[in-house]
Amino acid sequence: MLTFAIVPVKRLREAKSSLSAVLTLKQRRELVLVMLKDVLKAVSGARSITGTIVVSPDDDIIEFARKNGADGIAEPGVELNEALKLAIQSAITNGATSVLIMPSDIPFLTTDDIENIVAMASSRREIVITPSKNNGTNALFLSPPDIMTLHFGGESFSAHLSEAHRAGVKPRIYRSVTVATDIDDPDDLVETKKLGRGTQTYKFLNLQSVFDQKVKPKN
């Protein structure tokens, strides 16, 4: 099995506006890059991953990805699922028999998470899904890569479950706090302080004195 990791990233100018109350635009742009670096580091350590594709409409993201060991695919600013279709087709062209799609804002992702997800696939037709903390999808393993239609965006977890069943596959669910926790709003910074020690994301936010600000934990 040849598995390619696929990581989509938005334009840097659209970087994490939901964090504007605690970070400047410059800081948010830097945060996007350090989170991507953490994700790519986790992927690079996984023996089960043959290649890594970062897909983005932003030239700076593409260049950064290539400097950090990934292939960069420029997309023309299309909708997320359309961009992912382009990346999947590139992976297939390069010999992929499966893909693992993950967002770039899950900096607590570990190499073990990736190995565990891939290991759950025991046949040629498999779908493994990790839900996000808000019922989205933070990891989607597909074998073959084009086995089903993608529904990333919003509460996509249930949509992907339904799509897997339509494809004739009983999806497997991988649950992990380090995959489920993405950085979307100020409350998530509390999770970074708890889960992120040793990551570039933690170091960056600590240098920005973000942890000294009064961010209330979620109930």
N, C-alpha and C. Protein backbone atom coordinates (compact mmCIF):
# COMPACT_ATOMS: atom_id res chain seq x y z
N MET A 1 0.85 -1.20 0.00
CA MET A 1 0.00 0.00 0.00
C MET A 1 0.88 1.25 0.00
N LEU A 2 0.62 2.13 -0.93
CA LEU A 2 1.34 3.40 -1.02
C LEU A 2 0.40 4.52 -0.59
N THR A 3 0.68 5.09 0.57
CA THR A 3 -0.19 6.12 1.13
C THR A 3 0.46 7.49 1.04
N PHE A 4 -0.27 8.43 0.48
CA PHE A 4 0.17 9.82 0.42
C PHE A 4 -0.64 10.64 1.43
N ALA A 5 0.05 11.51 2.17
CA ALA A 5 -0.63 12.47 3.04
C ALA A 5 -0.96 13.71 2.22
N ILE A 6 -2.14 14.26 2.44
CA ILE A 6 -2.57 15.48 1.75
C ILE A 6 -2.99 16.51 2.80
N VAL A 7 -2.40 17.71 2.71
CA VAL A 7 -2.68 18.77 3.68
C VAL A 7 -3.08 20.04 2.92
N PRO A 8 -4.34 20.45 3.00
CA PRO A 8 -4.76 21.70 2.36
C PRO A 8 -4.50 22.90 3.27
N VAL A 9 -4.13 24.04 2.67
CA VAL A 9 -3.87 25.26 3.44
C VAL A 9 -4.45 26.46 2.68
N LYS A 10 -5.15 27.33 3.41
CA LYS A 10 -5.72 28.53 2.80
C LYS A 10 -4.64 29.56 2.51
N ARG A 11 -5.04 30.65 1.87
CA ARG A 11 -4.12 31.77 1.66
C ARG A 11 -3.73 32.37 3.02
N LEU A 12 -2.49 32.81 3.11
CA LEU A 12 -2.01 33.39 4.36
C LEU A 12 -2.78 34.66 4.73
N ARG A 13 -3.24 35.40 3.75
CA ARG A 13 -3.98 36.62 4.07
C ARG A 13 -5.34 36.33 4.72
N GLU A 14 -5.77 35.08 4.63
CA GLU A 14 -7.02 34.67 5.27
C GLU A 14 -6.76 33.96 6.59
N ALA A 15 -5.55 34.12 7.10
CA ALA A 15 -5.07 33.32 8.23
C ALA A 15 -5.83 33.57 9.52
N LYS A 16 -6.59 32.58 9.96
CA LYS A 16 -7.15 32.50 11.31
C LYS A 16 -7.71 33.82 11.83
N SER A 17 -8.63 34.42 11.07
CA SER A 17 -9.26 35.67 11.51
C SER A 17 -10.01 35.48 12.83
N SER A 18 -10.39 34.25 13.13
CA SER A 18 -11.09 33.96 14.38
C SER A 18 -10.21 34.20 15.61
N LEU A 19 -8.91 34.35 15.39
CA LEU A 19 -7.98 34.61 16.49
C LEU A 19 -7.55 36.07 16.55
N SER A 20 -8.25 36.93 15.82
CA SER A 20 -7.85 38.33 15.73
C SER A 20 -7.94 39.07 17.07
N ALA A 21 -8.70 38.53 18.01
CA ALA A 21 -8.81 39.18 19.31
C ALA A 21 -7.54 39.04 20.14
N VAL A 22 -6.71 38.04 19.79
CA VAL A 22 -5.50 37.80 20.59
C VAL A 22 -4.22 37.83 19.77
N LEU A 23 -4.33 37.80 18.44
CA LEU A 23 -3.14 37.81 17.59
C LEU A 23 -3.30 38.81 16.45
N THR A 24 -2.21 39.47 16.11
CA THR A 24 -2.22 40.37 14.95
C THR A 24 -2.21 39.54 13.67
N LEU A 25 -2.44 40.20 12.53
CA LEU A 25 -2.39 39.50 11.25
C LEU A 25 -1.03 38.86 11.03
N LYS A 26 0.04 39.58 11.33
CA LYS A 26 1.39 39.03 11.18
C LYS A 26 1.57 37.80 12.04
N GLN A 27 1.11 37.86 13.28
CA GLN A 27 1.22 36.71 14.17
C GLN A 27 0.39 35.53 13.67
N ARG A 28 -0.79 35.82 13.14
CA ARG A 28 -1.65 34.75 12.64
C ARG A 28 -1.03 34.08 11.42
N ARG A 29 -0.40 34.86 10.57
CA ARG A 29 0.29 34.27 9.41
C ARG A 29 1.42 33.35 9.87
N GLU A 30 2.18 33.81 10.86
CA GLU A 30 3.27 33.00 11.38
C GLU A 30 2.73 31.75 12.06
N LEU A 31 1.60 31.88 12.75
CA LEU A 31 1.00 30.73 13.41
C LEU A 31 0.61 29.65 12.39
N VAL A 32 0.03 30.05 11.27
CA VAL A 32 -0.33 29.09 10.22
C VAL A 32 0.89 28.29 9.79
N LEU A 33 2.02 28.97 9.63
CA LEU A 33 3.23 28.31 9.16
C LEU A 33 3.82 27.37 10.23
N VAL A 34 3.81 27.79 11.49
CA VAL A 34 4.39 26.90 12.52
C VAL A 34 3.49 25.68 12.74
N MET A 35 2.17 25.86 12.64
CA MET A 35 1.28 24.71 12.76
C MET A 35 1.50 23.74 11.60
N LEU A 36 1.64 24.28 10.40
CA LEU A 36 1.92 23.43 9.24
C LEU A 36 3.25 22.69 9.43
N LYS A 37 4.23 23.38 9.98
CA LYS A 37 5.53 22.74 10.22
C LYS A 37 5.39 21.58 11.19
N ASP A 38 4.58 21.74 12.24
CA ASP A 38 4.36 20.66 13.20
C ASP A 38 3.68 19.46 12.53
N VAL A 39 2.69 19.75 11.70
CA VAL A 39 1.99 18.66 11.00
C VAL A 39 2.94 17.92 10.07
N LEU A 40 3.72 18.67 9.30
CA LEU A 40 4.65 18.03 8.36
C LEU A 40 5.73 17.24 9.09
N LYS A 41 6.14 17.70 10.26
CA LYS A 41 7.13 16.95 11.04
C LYS A 41 6.56 15.61 11.47
N ALA A 42 5.30 15.61 11.93
CA ALA A 42 4.67 14.35 12.34
C ALA A 42 4.55 13.39 11.16
N VAL A 43 4.17 13.93 10.02
CA VAL A 43 4.01 13.11 8.81
C VAL A 43 5.35 12.54 8.37
N SER A 44 6.39 13.36 8.42
CA SER A 44 7.70 12.92 7.93
C SER A 44 8.26 11.75 8.73
N GLY A 45 7.82 11.61 9.97
CA GLY A 45 8.31 10.51 10.79
C GLY A 45 7.54 9.21 10.62
N ALA A 46 6.46 9.24 9.83
CA ALA A 46 5.61 8.06 9.66
C ALA A 46 6.11 7.19 8.51
N ARG A 47 6.53 5.98 8.82
CA ARG A 47 7.03 5.07 7.79
C ARG A 47 5.94 4.64 6.82
N SER A 48 4.69 4.75 7.24
CA SER A 48 3.58 4.31 6.39
C SER A 48 3.24 5.32 5.30
N ILE A 49 3.83 6.52 5.37
CA ILE A 49 3.54 7.57 4.40
C ILE A 49 4.63 7.61 3.32
N THR A 50 4.19 7.46 2.07
CA THR A 50 5.13 7.43 0.95
C THR A 50 5.49 8.83 0.47
N GLY A 51 4.52 9.72 0.47
CA GLY A 51 4.74 11.09 0.00
C GLY A 51 3.76 12.03 0.65
N THR A 52 4.08 13.31 0.64
CA THR A 52 3.23 14.32 1.26
C THR A 52 2.96 15.45 0.26
N ILE A 53 1.69 15.81 0.14
CA ILE A 53 1.27 16.88 -0.76
C ILE A 53 0.60 17.98 0.04
N VAL A 54 1.09 19.21 -0.10
CA VAL A 54 0.43 20.38 0.45
C VAL A 54 -0.23 21.10 -0.72
N VAL A 55 -1.53 21.33 -0.63
CA VAL A 55 -2.26 21.99 -1.71
C VAL A 55 -2.76 23.34 -1.22
N SER A 56 -2.47 24.39 -1.97
CA SER A 56 -2.80 25.74 -1.53
C SER A 56 -2.80 26.70 -2.72
N PRO A 57 -3.58 27.78 -2.63
CA PRO A 57 -3.52 28.82 -3.67
C PRO A 57 -2.43 29.85 -3.38
N ASP A 58 -1.71 29.68 -2.28
CA ASP A 58 -0.73 30.67 -1.83
C ASP A 58 0.69 30.23 -2.17
N ASP A 59 1.39 31.03 -2.95
CA ASP A 59 2.75 30.68 -3.37
C ASP A 59 3.70 30.55 -2.18
N ASP A 60 3.49 31.39 -1.16
CA ASP A 60 4.37 31.32 0.01
C ASP A 60 4.18 30.00 0.76
N ILE A 61 2.95 29.51 0.80
CA ILE A 61 2.68 28.22 1.44
C ILE A 61 3.35 27.10 0.64
N ILE A 62 3.23 27.17 -0.67
CA ILE A 62 3.84 26.14 -1.53
C ILE A 62 5.35 26.11 -1.32
N GLU A 63 5.97 27.27 -1.30
CA GLU A 63 7.42 27.34 -1.10
C GLU A 63 7.80 26.80 0.28
N PHE A 64 7.03 27.17 1.30
CA PHE A 64 7.30 26.70 2.66
C PHE A 64 7.18 25.19 2.73
N ALA A 65 6.16 24.64 2.09
CA ALA A 65 5.96 23.19 2.10
C ALA A 65 7.16 22.48 1.48
N ARG A 66 7.62 22.98 0.36
CA ARG A 66 8.75 22.35 -0.32
C ARG A 66 10.02 22.42 0.50
N LYS A 67 10.20 23.52 1.23
CA LYS A 67 11.37 23.65 2.10
C LYS A 67 11.30 22.69 3.29
N ASN A 68 10.09 22.22 3.58
CA ASN A 68 9.90 21.32 4.72
C ASN A 68 9.58 19.89 4.29
N GLY A 69 10.05 19.54 3.09
CA GLY A 69 10.02 18.14 2.67
C GLY A 69 8.78 17.64 1.99
N ALA A 70 7.82 18.53 1.69
CA ALA A 70 6.58 18.11 1.04
C ALA A 70 6.54 18.59 -0.41
N ASP A 71 5.70 17.94 -1.20
CA ASP A 71 5.42 18.45 -2.54
C ASP A 71 4.34 19.51 -2.43
N GLY A 72 4.48 20.58 -3.20
CA GLY A 72 3.48 21.64 -3.18
C GLY A 72 2.70 21.68 -4.47
N ILE A 73 1.39 21.71 -4.36
CA ILE A 73 0.53 21.82 -5.53
C ILE A 73 -0.26 23.12 -5.43
N ALA A 74 -0.08 23.98 -6.42
CA ALA A 74 -0.83 25.24 -6.45
C ALA A 74 -2.21 25.00 -7.03
N GLU A 75 -3.23 25.49 -6.34
CA GLU A 75 -4.59 25.42 -6.86
C GLU A 75 -5.11 26.85 -7.04
N PRO A 76 -6.04 27.06 -7.96
CA PRO A 76 -6.43 28.43 -8.36
C PRO A 76 -7.43 29.12 -7.44
N GLY A 77 -7.50 28.71 -6.18
CA GLY A 77 -8.44 29.34 -5.28
C GLY A 77 -9.83 28.76 -5.34
N VAL A 78 -9.92 27.47 -5.64
CA VAL A 78 -11.21 26.81 -5.74
C VAL A 78 -11.69 26.39 -4.35
N GLU A 79 -12.93 25.90 -4.29
CA GLU A 79 -13.51 25.41 -3.05
C GLU A 79 -12.66 24.26 -2.50
N LEU A 80 -12.66 24.09 -1.17
CA LEU A 80 -11.77 23.13 -0.50
C LEU A 80 -11.85 21.73 -1.09
N ASN A 81 -13.04 21.21 -1.25
CA ASN A 81 -13.16 19.83 -1.73
C ASN A 81 -12.67 19.68 -3.17
N GLU A 82 -12.83 20.75 -3.96
CA GLU A 82 -12.29 20.72 -5.32
C GLU A 82 -10.77 20.74 -5.30
N ALA A 83 -10.20 21.52 -4.39
CA ALA A 83 -8.74 21.55 -4.25
C ALA A 83 -8.21 20.18 -3.84
N LEU A 84 -8.93 19.52 -2.95
CA LEU A 84 -8.51 18.19 -2.51
C LEU A 84 -8.59 17.17 -3.63
N LYS A 85 -9.57 17.32 -4.51
CA LYS A 85 -9.67 16.42 -5.67
C LYS A 85 -8.45 16.56 -6.56
N LEU A 86 -7.95 17.79 -6.72
CA LEU A 86 -6.73 18.00 -7.51
C LEU A 86 -5.54 17.28 -6.86
N ALA A 87 -5.44 17.40 -5.54
CA ALA A 87 -4.33 16.76 -4.82
C ALA A 87 -4.44 15.24 -4.89
N ILE A 88 -5.66 14.73 -4.78
CA ILE A 88 -5.86 13.27 -4.85
C ILE A 88 -5.46 12.76 -6.23
N GLN A 89 -5.84 13.49 -7.27
CA GLN A 89 -5.48 13.06 -8.61
C GLN A 89 -3.96 13.05 -8.80
N SER A 90 -3.28 14.04 -8.22
CA SER A 90 -1.82 14.08 -8.29
C SER A 90 -1.22 12.88 -7.56
N ALA A 91 -1.79 12.54 -6.40
CA ALA A 91 -1.30 11.39 -5.65
C ALA A 91 -1.48 10.11 -6.44
N ILE A 92 -2.64 9.95 -7.08
CA ILE A 92 -2.90 8.75 -7.89
C ILE A 92 -1.90 8.68 -9.05
N THR A 93 -1.66 9.80 -9.69
CA THR A 93 -0.70 9.86 -10.80
C THR A 93 0.68 9.40 -10.35
N ASN A 94 1.00 9.68 -9.09
CA ASN A 94 2.31 9.31 -8.56
C ASN A 94 2.32 7.94 -7.87
N GLY A 95 1.26 7.17 -8.09
CA GLY A 95 1.25 5.79 -7.64
C GLY A 95 0.53 5.51 -6.35
N ALA A 96 -0.13 6.50 -5.76
CA ALA A 96 -0.81 6.28 -4.48
C ALA A 96 -1.96 5.28 -4.61
N THR A 97 -2.03 4.37 -3.66
CA THR A 97 -3.18 3.46 -3.58
C THR A 97 -4.11 3.86 -2.44
N SER A 98 -3.66 4.84 -1.64
CA SER A 98 -4.49 5.37 -0.56
C SER A 98 -3.98 6.77 -0.22
N VAL A 99 -4.86 7.56 0.42
CA VAL A 99 -4.46 8.89 0.86
C VAL A 99 -4.95 9.13 2.29
N LEU A 100 -4.25 10.00 2.99
CA LEU A 100 -4.65 10.44 4.33
C LEU A 100 -4.73 11.95 4.30
N ILE A 101 -5.96 12.48 4.38
CA ILE A 101 -6.19 13.92 4.31
C ILE A 101 -6.30 14.48 5.72
N MET A 102 -5.54 15.55 5.99
CA MET A 102 -5.54 16.18 7.31
C MET A 102 -5.42 17.68 7.15
N PRO A 103 -6.05 18.47 8.02
CA PRO A 103 -5.88 19.93 7.96
C PRO A 103 -4.52 20.33 8.50
N SER A 104 -4.18 21.59 8.28
CA SER A 104 -2.86 22.07 8.70
C SER A 104 -2.87 22.66 10.11
N ASP A 105 -4.05 22.72 10.75
CA ASP A 105 -4.13 23.38 12.05
C ASP A 105 -4.33 22.39 13.20
N ILE A 106 -3.72 21.20 13.06
CA ILE A 106 -3.75 20.22 14.14
C ILE A 106 -2.30 19.94 14.60
N PRO A 107 -1.69 20.93 15.23
CA PRO A 107 -0.25 20.84 15.54
C PRO A 107 0.11 19.80 16.59
N PHE A 108 -0.89 19.22 17.27
CA PHE A 108 -0.60 18.21 18.28
C PHE A 108 -0.59 16.80 17.67
N LEU A 109 -0.86 16.71 16.39
CA LEU A 109 -0.78 15.45 15.67
C LEU A 109 0.56 14.77 15.92
N THR A 110 0.54 13.46 16.15
CA THR A 110 1.78 12.72 16.37
C THR A 110 2.00 11.70 15.25
N THR A 111 3.23 11.29 15.13
CA THR A 111 3.56 10.23 14.17
C THR A 111 2.79 8.96 14.50
N ASP A 112 2.64 8.67 15.78
CA ASP A 112 1.88 7.48 16.19
C ASP A 112 0.43 7.57 15.73
N ASP A 113 -0.17 8.76 15.78
CA ASP A 113 -1.53 8.92 15.28
C ASP A 113 -1.62 8.47 13.82
N ILE A 114 -0.68 8.94 13.03
CA ILE A 114 -0.69 8.61 11.61
C ILE A 114 -0.52 7.12 11.39
N GLU A 115 0.44 6.52 12.08
CA GLU A 115 0.68 5.08 11.94
C GLU A 115 -0.56 4.28 12.38
N ASN A 116 -1.21 4.74 13.44
CA ASN A 116 -2.40 4.04 13.93
C ASN A 116 -3.55 4.10 12.94
N ILE A 117 -3.74 5.26 12.33
CA ILE A 117 -4.81 5.41 11.35
C ILE A 117 -4.58 4.49 10.16
N VAL A 118 -3.38 4.53 9.62
CA VAL A 118 -3.07 3.69 8.45
C VAL A 118 -3.18 2.22 8.80
N ALA A 119 -2.76 1.86 10.01
CA ALA A 119 -2.79 0.45 10.43
C ALA A 119 -4.21 -0.08 10.55
N MET A 120 -5.18 0.79 10.71
CA MET A 120 -6.57 0.35 10.82
C MET A 120 -7.12 -0.16 9.49
N ALA A 121 -6.46 0.18 8.41
CA ALA A 121 -6.90 -0.27 7.09
C ALA A 121 -6.40 -1.68 6.84
N SER A 122 -7.31 -2.63 6.78
CA SER A 122 -6.92 -4.04 6.63
C SER A 122 -7.32 -4.64 5.29
N SER A 123 -7.95 -3.84 4.43
CA SER A 123 -8.34 -4.36 3.13
C SER A 123 -8.12 -3.27 2.07
N ARG A 124 -8.37 -3.60 0.83
CA ARG A 124 -8.13 -2.63 -0.25
C ARG A 124 -9.15 -1.51 -0.28
N ARG A 125 -10.33 -1.76 0.26
CA ARG A 125 -11.37 -0.73 0.32
C ARG A 125 -11.62 -0.37 1.79
N GLU A 126 -11.06 0.75 2.20
CA GLU A 126 -11.16 1.16 3.60
C GLU A 126 -11.36 2.66 3.70
N ILE A 127 -12.10 3.07 4.72
CA ILE A 127 -12.26 4.48 5.06
C ILE A 127 -12.10 4.60 6.57
N VAL A 128 -11.17 5.45 6.99
CA VAL A 128 -10.95 5.70 8.42
C VAL A 128 -11.15 7.20 8.65
N ILE A 129 -11.93 7.54 9.67
CA ILE A 129 -12.27 8.94 9.93
C ILE A 129 -11.95 9.30 11.37
N THR A 130 -11.34 10.46 11.56
CA THR A 130 -11.17 11.02 12.90
C THR A 130 -11.99 12.30 12.99
N PRO A 131 -12.96 12.34 13.91
CA PRO A 131 -13.75 13.56 14.06
C PRO A 131 -12.96 14.65 14.77
N SER A 132 -13.30 15.89 14.45
CA SER A 132 -12.73 17.02 15.19
C SER A 132 -13.56 17.26 16.44
N LYS A 133 -13.11 18.18 17.26
CA LYS A 133 -13.82 18.47 18.50
C LYS A 133 -15.20 19.07 18.25
N ASN A 134 -15.41 19.62 17.05
CA ASN A 134 -16.70 20.24 16.71
C ASN A 134 -17.46 19.46 15.65
N ASN A 135 -17.23 18.14 15.60
CA ASN A 135 -17.93 17.26 14.67
C ASN A 135 -17.55 17.49 13.21
N GLY A 136 -16.38 18.06 13.01
CA GLY A 136 -15.83 18.13 11.66
C GLY A 136 -15.00 16.89 11.39
N THR A 137 -14.12 16.95 10.40
CA THR A 137 -13.26 15.82 10.07
C THR A 137 -11.81 16.28 10.09
N ASN A 138 -11.00 15.71 10.99
CA ASN A 138 -9.60 16.11 11.09
C ASN A 138 -8.63 15.08 10.53
N ALA A 139 -9.12 13.93 10.13
CA ALA A 139 -8.31 12.97 9.38
C ALA A 139 -9.26 12.08 8.61
N LEU A 140 -8.92 11.86 7.35
CA LEU A 140 -9.75 11.00 6.50
C LEU A 140 -8.82 10.14 5.64
N PHE A 141 -8.81 8.85 5.96
CA PHE A 141 -8.02 7.89 5.20
C PHE A 141 -8.92 7.23 4.16
N LEU A 142 -8.47 7.22 2.91
CA LEU A 142 -9.27 6.67 1.82
C LEU A 142 -8.45 5.67 1.01
N SER A 143 -8.99 4.48 0.86
CA SER A 143 -8.36 3.46 0.02
C SER A 143 -9.45 2.74 -0.79
N PRO A 144 -9.43 2.91 -2.12
CA PRO A 144 -8.53 3.73 -2.91
C PRO A 144 -8.77 5.22 -2.70
N PRO A 145 -7.90 6.07 -3.21
CA PRO A 145 -7.98 7.50 -2.92
C PRO A 145 -9.28 8.18 -3.36
N ASP A 146 -9.90 7.66 -4.41
CA ASP A 146 -11.13 8.27 -4.94
C ASP A 146 -12.36 7.43 -4.62
N ILE A 147 -12.34 6.75 -3.49
CA ILE A 147 -13.42 5.83 -3.14
C ILE A 147 -14.75 6.54 -2.86
N MET A 148 -14.68 7.83 -2.47
CA MET A 148 -15.93 8.51 -2.12
C MET A 148 -15.83 10.01 -2.35
N THR A 149 -16.98 10.66 -2.38
CA THR A 149 -17.06 12.12 -2.51
C THR A 149 -16.70 12.77 -1.19
N LEU A 150 -15.99 13.89 -1.26
CA LEU A 150 -15.56 14.60 -0.06
C LEU A 150 -16.56 15.67 0.35
N HIS A 151 -16.67 15.87 1.68
CA HIS A 151 -17.61 16.86 2.20
C HIS A 151 -16.97 17.72 3.30
N PHE A 152 -15.69 18.07 3.12
CA PHE A 152 -15.02 18.89 4.13
C PHE A 152 -15.68 20.26 4.24
N GLY A 153 -15.70 20.78 5.47
CA GLY A 153 -16.32 22.06 5.75
C GLY A 153 -17.44 21.90 6.75
N GLY A 154 -17.38 22.68 7.84
CA GLY A 154 -18.44 22.60 8.85
C GLY A 154 -18.45 21.25 9.56
N GLU A 155 -19.65 20.78 9.90
CA GLU A 155 -19.79 19.52 10.62
C GLU A 155 -19.79 18.35 9.62
N SER A 156 -18.61 18.07 9.11
CA SER A 156 -18.48 17.11 8.01
C SER A 156 -18.38 15.66 8.45
N PHE A 157 -18.19 15.42 9.74
CA PHE A 157 -18.00 14.05 10.21
C PHE A 157 -19.18 13.16 9.84
N SER A 158 -20.39 13.60 10.16
CA SER A 158 -21.58 12.80 9.85
C SER A 158 -21.77 12.66 8.35
N ALA A 159 -21.44 13.70 7.59
CA ALA A 159 -21.55 13.63 6.13
C ALA A 159 -20.59 12.60 5.56
N HIS A 160 -19.38 12.53 6.11
CA HIS A 160 -18.41 11.55 5.63
C HIS A 160 -18.81 10.13 6.04
N LEU A 161 -19.41 9.99 7.21
CA LEU A 161 -19.91 8.66 7.60
C LEU A 161 -20.96 8.18 6.61
N SER A 162 -21.90 9.06 6.27
CA SER A 162 -22.96 8.69 5.33
C SER A 162 -22.40 8.38 3.96
N GLU A 163 -21.42 9.17 3.53
CA GLU A 163 -20.83 8.95 2.21
C GLU A 163 -20.08 7.63 2.16
N ALA A 164 -19.42 7.27 3.26
CA ALA A 164 -18.72 5.98 3.31
C ALA A 164 -19.70 4.83 3.13
N HIS A 165 -20.83 4.90 3.80
CA HIS A 165 -21.85 3.85 3.66
C HIS A 165 -22.40 3.80 2.24
N ARG A 166 -22.54 4.98 1.61
CA ARG A 166 -23.00 5.00 0.21
C ARG A 166 -21.98 4.33 -0.71
N ALA A 167 -20.71 4.40 -0.31
CA ALA A 167 -19.65 3.77 -1.10
C ALA A 167 -19.55 2.28 -0.82
N GLY A 168 -20.39 1.79 0.09
CA GLY A 168 -20.38 0.36 0.41
C GLY A 168 -19.32 -0.05 1.40
N VAL A 169 -18.85 0.91 2.19
CA VAL A 169 -17.78 0.63 3.16
C VAL A 169 -18.25 1.01 4.56
N LYS A 170 -18.00 0.12 5.52
CA LYS A 170 -18.26 0.47 6.92
C LYS A 170 -17.05 1.22 7.45
N PRO A 171 -17.20 2.52 7.71
CA PRO A 171 -16.02 3.30 8.10
C PRO A 171 -15.51 2.94 9.49
N ARG A 172 -14.22 3.02 9.65
CA ARG A 172 -13.61 2.84 10.96
C ARG A 172 -13.37 4.23 11.56
N ILE A 173 -13.51 4.33 12.87
CA ILE A 173 -13.36 5.61 13.55
C ILE A 173 -12.12 5.59 14.43
N TYR A 174 -11.23 6.54 14.21
CA TYR A 174 -10.04 6.68 15.05
C TYR A 174 -10.23 7.93 15.91
N ARG A 175 -10.26 7.74 17.21
CA ARG A 175 -10.48 8.85 18.12
C ARG A 175 -9.18 9.17 18.86
N SER A 176 -8.82 10.43 18.79
CA SER A 176 -7.58 10.87 19.43
C SER A 176 -7.68 12.36 19.72
N VAL A 177 -7.39 12.75 20.95
CA VAL A 177 -7.47 14.17 21.30
C VAL A 177 -6.44 14.99 20.54
N THR A 178 -5.31 14.37 20.21
CA THR A 178 -4.26 15.11 19.52
C THR A 178 -4.59 15.34 18.04
N VAL A 179 -5.49 14.54 17.50
CA VAL A 179 -5.96 14.77 16.14
C VAL A 179 -7.23 15.63 16.15
N ALA A 180 -8.07 15.41 17.13
CA ALA A 180 -9.36 16.11 17.20
C ALA A 180 -9.21 17.59 17.53
N THR A 181 -8.11 17.97 18.18
CA THR A 181 -7.95 19.34 18.65
C THR A 181 -7.27 20.20 17.60
N ASP A 182 -8.04 21.10 16.99
CA ASP A 182 -7.47 22.06 16.05
C ASP A 182 -7.49 23.45 16.70
N ILE A 183 -6.76 24.37 16.11
CA ILE A 183 -6.64 25.72 16.66
C ILE A 183 -7.50 26.66 15.82
N ASP A 184 -8.70 26.95 16.32
CA ASP A 184 -9.65 27.76 15.57
C ASP A 184 -10.05 29.05 16.28
N ASP A 185 -10.04 29.06 17.59
CA ASP A 185 -10.50 30.24 18.30
C ASP A 185 -9.68 30.41 19.58
N PRO A 186 -9.81 31.56 20.26
CA PRO A 186 -8.97 31.82 21.44
C PRO A 186 -9.04 30.75 22.51
N ASP A 187 -10.20 30.11 22.70
CA ASP A 187 -10.30 29.07 23.72
C ASP A 187 -9.34 27.91 23.45
N ASP A 188 -9.05 27.68 22.18
CA ASP A 188 -8.17 26.56 21.82
C ASP A 188 -6.74 26.77 22.30
N LEU A 189 -6.39 28.00 22.60
CA LEU A 189 -5.04 28.28 23.08
C LEU A 189 -4.78 27.62 24.43
N VAL A 190 -5.85 27.40 25.20
CA VAL A 190 -5.71 26.68 26.46
C VAL A 190 -5.25 25.25 26.19
N GLU A 191 -5.83 24.65 25.14
CA GLU A 191 -5.44 23.28 24.77
C GLU A 191 -3.99 23.25 24.32
N THR A 192 -3.54 24.30 23.65
CA THR A 192 -2.13 24.36 23.22
C THR A 192 -1.21 24.32 24.43
N LYS A 193 -1.60 25.02 25.47
CA LYS A 193 -0.76 25.03 26.68
C LYS A 193 -0.72 23.65 27.32
N LYS A 194 -1.83 22.90 27.22
CA LYS A 194 -1.91 21.57 27.84
C LYS A 194 -1.28 20.49 26.97
N LEU A 195 -1.53 20.54 25.66
CA LEU A 195 -1.15 19.44 24.77
C LEU A 195 0.09 19.72 23.92
N GLY A 196 0.47 20.97 23.81
CA GLY A 196 1.43 21.34 22.77
C GLY A 196 2.87 21.45 23.16
N ARG A 197 3.21 21.13 24.39
CA ARG A 197 4.62 21.27 24.79
C ARG A 197 5.53 20.44 23.88
N GLY A 198 6.59 21.08 23.42
CA GLY A 198 7.51 20.42 22.51
C GLY A 198 7.23 20.71 21.05
N THR A 199 6.10 21.34 20.76
CA THR A 199 5.78 21.68 19.36
C THR A 199 6.26 23.08 19.04
N GLN A 200 6.43 23.34 17.74
CA GLN A 200 6.79 24.68 17.29
C GLN A 200 5.66 25.66 17.60
N THR A 201 4.44 25.16 17.56
CA THR A 201 3.27 26.01 17.84
C THR A 201 3.30 26.51 19.27
N TYR A 202 3.60 25.62 20.21
CA TYR A 202 3.69 26.02 21.61
C TYR A 202 4.80 27.06 21.80
N LYS A 203 5.95 26.79 21.22
CA LYS A 203 7.08 27.72 21.37
C LYS A 203 6.74 29.09 20.82
N PHE A 204 6.08 29.12 19.66
CA PHE A 204 5.72 30.39 19.03
C PHE A 204 4.74 31.17 19.91
N LEU A 205 3.67 30.51 20.35
CA LEU A 205 2.65 31.20 21.15
C LEU A 205 3.22 31.65 22.49
N ASN A 206 4.12 30.87 23.04
CA ASN A 206 4.76 31.25 24.30
C ASN A 206 5.61 32.51 24.11
N LEU A 207 6.32 32.59 22.99
CA LEU A 207 7.14 33.77 22.70
C LEU A 207 6.28 35.01 22.50
N GLN A 208 5.06 34.82 21.99
CA GLN A 208 4.15 35.95 21.79
C GLN A 208 3.41 36.33 23.07
N SER A 209 3.75 35.64 24.17
CA SER A 209 3.11 35.89 25.48
C SER A 209 1.61 35.64 25.44
N VAL A 210 1.16 34.79 24.53
CA VAL A 210 -0.27 34.50 24.41
C VAL A 210 -0.79 33.82 25.66
N PHE A 211 0.01 32.96 26.25
CA PHE A 211 -0.45 32.21 27.42
C PHE A 211 -0.61 33.10 28.65
N ASP A 212 -0.05 34.31 28.59
CA ASP A 212 -0.20 35.25 29.70
C ASP A 212 -1.51 36.02 29.63
N GLN A 213 -2.19 35.93 28.47
CA GLN A 213 -3.47 36.61 28.31
C GLN A 213 -4.56 35.80 28.98
N LYS A 214 -5.63 36.45 29.30
CA LYS A 214 -6.74 35.81 30.00
C LYS A 214 -7.66 35.13 29.00
N VAL A 215 -7.34 33.86 28.70
CA VAL A 215 -8.18 33.06 27.82
C VAL A 215 -8.87 32.01 28.67
N LYS A 216 -10.17 32.05 28.71
CA LYS A 216 -10.93 31.13 29.56
C LYS A 216 -11.04 29.75 28.92
N PRO A 217 -10.82 28.70 29.67
CA PRO A 217 -10.99 27.34 29.13
C PRO A 217 -12.45 27.07 28.84
N LYS A 218 -12.70 26.14 27.90
CA LYS A 218 -14.07 25.74 27.59
C LYS A 218 -14.67 24.95 28.72
N ASN A 219 -15.96 25.07 28.89
CA ASN A 219 -16.65 24.28 29.92
C ASN A 219 -16.71 22.82 29.53
